Amino acid sequence: MTKVLSGLYLLYCATIFILLMIIVLPLTLIASALLKKTPAKRTILFLLRCWAWSFSILSGFWFKTCNKNKINLKKQHIYVGNHGSYLDAIAVCIAIPQHFSPLGKIEMTKIPIFGSIYKRIVIMIDRNNKESREFSVNQLKQEIADGQSILIFPEGTMNKTNAELTEFYDGAFRIAIETQIDIIPFVMINNRKLLPRINPFEAKPGFVKTIFINSVSVKNLSLTDVPALKKEVFELMKNTILAN
């Protein structure tokens, strides 16, 4: 696809994205105003799943999920995945079969329309601020205490390198050990090819495949095991990416 066609395609997708967000926004505001915290977040997540499926159908970015049967829906989990494209936000809404609270960058709240929805469901973090990091960790632990699963991208930001993964932060693994909640790693395949972070004007339609990996137990682990746990999950995810 030439750059001109890719640019037109990206403009079309952006228009669809914005129009669907405009439809979802008032429903999100109503849910936030009328419902308590947990029911509101679950309602907003349902709305975002409707938005994600609608965007997928209309945009030509299609999403496939593999190994969903590996997930025990009766248990809470800490989901950790790779992050390399703006398509990831759509992929996780479609793929993760449980209610979950994601961790995300506070800068995203500045995006018009999207930011108003984002801040009502995402636990926000400013990684350059120690107090913000500590507050976000406590919020994630509270979500777990309230019965929610959580989602963390352990790379901390979008991968802009040629490597399969960038170095992981400790946060997700510390929380998993401290709360004794098992980790479910997953990887998104083809996301960076279809909508590159570095050059989005090379966008093209196609399939993003989300693959869930076997659950990683944290039973009886202590904080001294964080490096080994982090390495284990990193290798599982990297090998799955290389195999696909």
Protein backbone atom coordinates (compact mmCIF):
# COMPACT_ATOMS: atom_id res chain seq x y z
CA MET A 1 0.00 0.00 0.00
CA THR A 2 1.49 3.35 -1.02
CA LYS A 3 2.05 6.12 1.50
CA VAL A 4 -0.82 8.12 0.02
CA LEU A 5 -3.26 5.24 0.37
CA SER A 6 -1.93 4.47 3.85
CA GLY A 7 -2.45 8.10 4.83
CA LEU A 8 -6.02 8.09 3.53
CA TYR A 9 -6.67 4.81 5.31
CA LEU A 10 -5.29 6.22 8.56
CA LEU A 11 -7.52 9.30 8.18
CA TYR A 12 -10.55 7.07 7.63
CA CYS A 13 -9.73 4.98 10.72
CA ALA A 14 -9.16 8.10 12.83
CA THR A 15 -12.55 9.46 11.74
CA ILE A 16 -14.28 6.19 12.69
CA PHE A 17 -12.42 6.17 16.01
CA ILE A 18 -13.54 9.71 16.88
CA LEU A 19 -17.16 9.23 15.79
CA LEU A 20 -17.51 6.08 17.87
CA MET A 21 -15.93 7.83 20.85
CA ILE A 22 -18.43 10.68 20.52
CA ILE A 23 -21.23 8.09 20.75
CA VAL A 24 -19.70 6.34 23.77
CA LEU A 25 -18.76 9.48 25.74
CA PRO A 26 -22.25 10.56 26.95
CA LEU A 27 -23.08 6.98 27.98
CA THR A 28 -19.82 6.87 29.93
CA LEU A 29 -20.62 10.14 31.69
CA ILE A 30 -24.09 8.88 32.62
CA ALA A 31 -22.67 5.62 34.02
CA SER A 32 -20.10 7.55 36.07
CA ALA A 33 -22.75 9.89 37.45
CA LEU A 34 -25.41 7.31 38.35
CA LEU A 35 -23.48 4.22 39.41
CA LYS A 36 -21.05 3.43 42.19
CA LYS A 37 -17.38 2.95 41.36
CA THR A 38 -17.22 -0.76 40.51
CA PRO A 39 -20.55 -1.01 38.61
CA ALA A 40 -19.66 2.18 36.74
CA LYS A 41 -16.27 0.83 35.65
CA ARG A 42 -17.82 -2.45 34.56
CA THR A 43 -20.47 -0.62 32.55
CA ILE A 44 -17.84 1.58 30.91
CA LEU A 45 -15.75 -1.48 30.06
CA PHE A 46 -18.82 -3.03 28.40
CA LEU A 47 -19.30 0.16 26.38
CA LEU A 48 -15.63 0.11 25.38
CA ARG A 49 -15.95 -3.48 24.23
CA CYS A 50 -18.88 -2.44 22.04
CA TRP A 51 -16.77 0.45 20.76
CA ALA A 52 -13.80 -1.85 20.09
CA TRP A 53 -15.84 -4.40 18.13
CA SER A 54 -17.55 -1.65 16.13
CA PHE A 55 -14.20 -0.05 15.31
CA SER A 56 -12.79 -3.41 14.26
CA ILE A 57 -15.68 -4.13 11.89
CA LEU A 58 -15.62 -0.68 10.30
CA SER A 59 -11.87 -0.06 10.16
CA GLY A 60 -10.45 -3.26 8.72
CA PHE A 61 -8.30 -3.83 11.80
CA TRP A 62 -9.56 -7.26 12.85
CA PHE A 63 -8.79 -9.02 16.11
CA LYS A 64 -8.37 -12.70 16.89
CA THR A 65 -7.90 -14.23 20.35
CA CYS A 66 -6.12 -17.54 21.02
CA ASN A 67 -5.99 -19.72 24.15
CA LYS A 68 -8.76 -17.94 26.01
CA ASN A 69 -9.59 -21.35 27.48
CA LYS A 70 -6.38 -21.10 29.54
CA ILE A 71 -8.03 -18.46 31.73
CA ASN A 72 -9.87 -19.51 34.88
CA LEU A 73 -12.74 -17.05 34.89
CA LYS A 74 -13.52 -17.82 38.53
CA LYS A 75 -10.19 -16.37 39.68
CA GLN A 76 -8.64 -12.92 39.59
CA HIS A 77 -5.54 -12.41 37.50
CA ILE A 78 -2.84 -9.89 36.80
CA TYR A 79 -2.67 -9.63 33.01
CA VAL A 80 0.67 -8.52 31.55
CA GLY A 81 1.16 -7.92 27.83
CA ASN A 82 3.46 -6.39 25.27
CA HIS A 83 2.76 -2.85 24.08
CA GLY A 84 3.76 -1.69 20.63
CA SER A 85 0.82 0.04 18.94
CA TYR A 86 -2.22 2.21 19.51
CA LEU A 87 -4.22 -0.85 18.44
CA ASP A 88 -3.38 -2.50 21.76
CA ALA A 89 -6.11 -0.61 23.62
CA ILE A 90 -8.67 -2.07 21.24
CA ALA A 91 -7.16 -5.56 21.34
CA VAL A 92 -7.28 -5.86 25.14
CA CYS A 93 -10.92 -4.72 25.28
CA ILE A 94 -11.82 -7.51 22.87
CA ALA A 95 -9.47 -10.23 24.14
CA ILE A 96 -9.56 -10.13 27.95
CA PRO A 97 -12.69 -12.04 29.03
CA GLN A 98 -12.92 -10.63 32.56
CA HIS A 99 -13.63 -7.27 34.11
CA PHE A 100 -10.29 -5.59 34.64
CA SER A 101 -8.72 -2.31 35.67
CA PRO A 102 -5.80 -1.18 33.48
CA LEU A 103 -2.79 0.91 34.44
CA GLY A 104 -2.07 3.72 32.00
CA LYS A 105 -0.08 6.90 31.48
CA ILE A 106 -1.62 10.09 32.81
CA GLU A 107 -0.63 11.95 29.62
CA MET A 108 -3.40 10.14 27.73
CA THR A 109 -6.03 12.17 29.58
CA LYS A 110 -5.03 15.16 27.44
CA ILE A 111 -6.47 13.57 24.29
CA PRO A 112 -9.87 15.19 23.54
CA ILE A 113 -12.93 12.95 24.04
CA PHE A 114 -10.81 9.82 24.51
CA GLY A 115 -9.20 11.31 27.62
CA SER A 116 -12.58 11.90 29.26
CA ILE A 117 -13.40 8.20 28.94
CA TYR A 118 -9.87 7.02 29.71
CA LYS A 119 -9.66 8.66 33.13
CA ARG A 120 -12.91 7.00 34.23
CA ILE A 121 -11.65 3.46 33.81
CA VAL A 122 -7.84 3.60 33.89
CA ILE A 123 -5.64 3.83 36.98
CA MET A 124 -3.31 6.60 35.94
CA ILE A 125 0.40 6.85 36.59
CA ASP A 126 3.05 9.50 36.08
CA ARG A 127 6.21 7.39 35.94
CA ASN A 128 8.36 10.48 36.52
CA ASN A 129 6.69 11.14 39.87
CA LYS A 130 7.48 8.85 42.82
CA GLU A 131 4.31 9.79 44.71
CA SER A 132 2.20 9.04 41.62
CA ARG A 133 3.86 5.64 41.21
CA GLU A 134 3.20 4.73 44.85
CA PHE A 135 -0.39 5.98 44.67
CA SER A 136 -1.04 3.96 41.50
CA VAL A 137 0.34 0.79 43.09
CA ASN A 138 -1.98 1.27 46.07
CA GLN A 139 -4.93 1.81 43.73
CA LEU A 140 -4.13 -1.38 41.83
CA LYS A 141 -3.96 -3.32 45.10
CA GLN A 142 -7.31 -1.85 46.10
CA GLU A 143 -8.83 -2.96 42.80
CA ILE A 144 -7.61 -6.47 43.56
CA ALA A 145 -9.05 -6.24 47.08
CA ASP A 146 -12.37 -5.24 45.49
CA GLY A 147 -12.36 -8.40 43.38
CA GLN A 148 -11.10 -6.98 40.09
CA SER A 149 -8.39 -8.32 37.81
CA ILE A 150 -5.83 -5.78 36.63
CA LEU A 151 -3.87 -5.13 33.44
CA ILE A 152 -0.31 -3.81 33.31
CA PHE A 153 2.00 -3.32 30.34
CA PRO A 154 5.32 -4.12 32.08
CA GLU A 155 7.40 -2.34 29.41
CA GLY A 156 5.91 0.87 30.78
CA THR A 157 5.46 2.50 27.38
CA MET A 158 5.14 1.58 23.72
CA ASN A 159 8.04 -0.38 22.31
CA LYS A 160 9.69 1.84 19.67
CA THR A 161 12.67 -0.47 19.11
CA ASN A 162 13.22 -3.38 16.75
CA ALA A 163 13.39 -5.81 19.68
CA GLU A 164 10.45 -8.08 20.47
CA LEU A 165 10.22 -6.60 23.98
CA THR A 166 11.92 -3.89 25.98
CA GLU A 167 13.02 -4.22 29.59
CA PHE A 168 10.24 -4.83 32.11
CA TYR A 169 9.54 -2.73 35.20
CA ASP A 170 9.18 -4.55 38.53
CA GLY A 171 5.72 -3.19 39.43
CA ALA A 172 3.44 -5.91 38.06
CA PHE A 173 5.56 -8.65 39.57
CA ARG A 174 5.84 -7.03 42.98
CA ILE A 175 2.07 -6.56 43.10
CA ALA A 176 1.50 -10.17 42.04
CA ILE A 177 3.71 -11.48 44.84
CA GLU A 178 2.36 -9.09 47.48
CA THR A 179 -1.26 -9.95 46.66
CA GLN A 180 -0.60 -13.61 45.73
CA ILE A 181 -2.51 -13.19 42.48
CA ASP A 182 -1.24 -15.28 39.57
CA ILE A 183 -0.01 -13.68 36.36
CA ILE A 184 -1.45 -14.32 32.91
CA PRO A 185 1.03 -13.19 30.25
CA PHE A 186 -0.21 -12.49 26.74
CA VAL A 187 1.23 -11.13 23.53
CA MET A 188 -0.27 -9.21 20.66
CA ILE A 189 1.08 -10.25 17.27
CA ASN A 190 1.14 -8.07 14.14
CA ASN A 191 0.07 -4.93 16.01
CA ARG A 192 3.26 -3.03 15.18
CA LYS A 193 3.11 -4.03 11.52
CA LEU A 194 -0.46 -2.82 11.01
CA LEU A 195 -0.16 0.47 12.91
CA PRO A 196 3.50 1.29 13.62
CA ARG A 197 4.15 3.58 16.56
CA ILE A 198 7.09 5.27 14.84
CA ASN A 199 5.37 5.81 11.49
CA PRO A 200 1.57 5.49 11.71
CA PHE A 201 1.27 6.63 8.09
CA GLU A 202 2.30 3.10 7.14
CA ALA A 203 -0.99 1.78 8.55
CA LYS A 204 -2.68 -1.08 6.73
CA PRO A 205 -5.65 -3.37 7.44
CA GLY A 206 -5.18 -6.89 8.76
CA PHE A 207 -5.43 -9.16 11.79
CA VAL A 208 -4.02 -8.55 15.27
CA LYS A 209 -3.72 -11.84 17.13
CA THR A 210 -3.77 -11.90 20.94
CA ILE A 211 -2.28 -15.07 22.42
CA PHE A 212 -2.74 -15.94 26.08
CA ILE A 213 0.09 -17.92 27.68
CA ASN A 214 -0.18 -20.34 30.59
CA SER A 215 -0.79 -18.75 33.98
CA VAL A 216 2.35 -18.15 36.05
CA SER A 217 1.91 -19.01 39.73
CA VAL A 218 3.30 -16.74 42.44
CA LYS A 219 2.39 -19.07 45.29
CA ASN A 220 4.88 -18.88 48.17
CA LEU A 221 7.10 -16.38 46.31
CA SER A 222 8.65 -13.45 48.16
CA LEU A 223 9.87 -10.08 46.90
CA THR A 224 13.38 -11.51 46.54
CA ASP A 225 11.91 -13.61 43.70
CA VAL A 226 10.87 -10.57 41.64
CA PRO A 227 13.88 -10.67 39.27
CA ALA A 228 13.42 -14.39 38.55
CA LEU A 229 9.66 -14.02 38.09
CA LYS A 230 10.13 -11.06 35.78
CA LYS A 231 12.68 -12.98 33.71
CA GLU A 232 10.40 -16.03 33.48
CA VAL A 233 7.48 -13.97 32.17
CA PHE A 234 9.75 -12.01 29.81
CA GLU A 235 11.08 -15.23 28.26
CA LEU A 236 7.61 -16.74 27.93
CA MET A 237 6.35 -13.67 26.09
CA LYS A 238 9.45 -13.27 23.93
CA ASN A 239 9.42 -16.92 22.86
CA THR A 240 5.72 -16.73 22.01
CA ILE A 241 6.31 -13.66 19.84
CA LEU A 242 9.22 -15.38 18.05
CA ALA A 243 7.11 -18.50 17.46
CA ASN A 244 4.38 -16.47 15.78
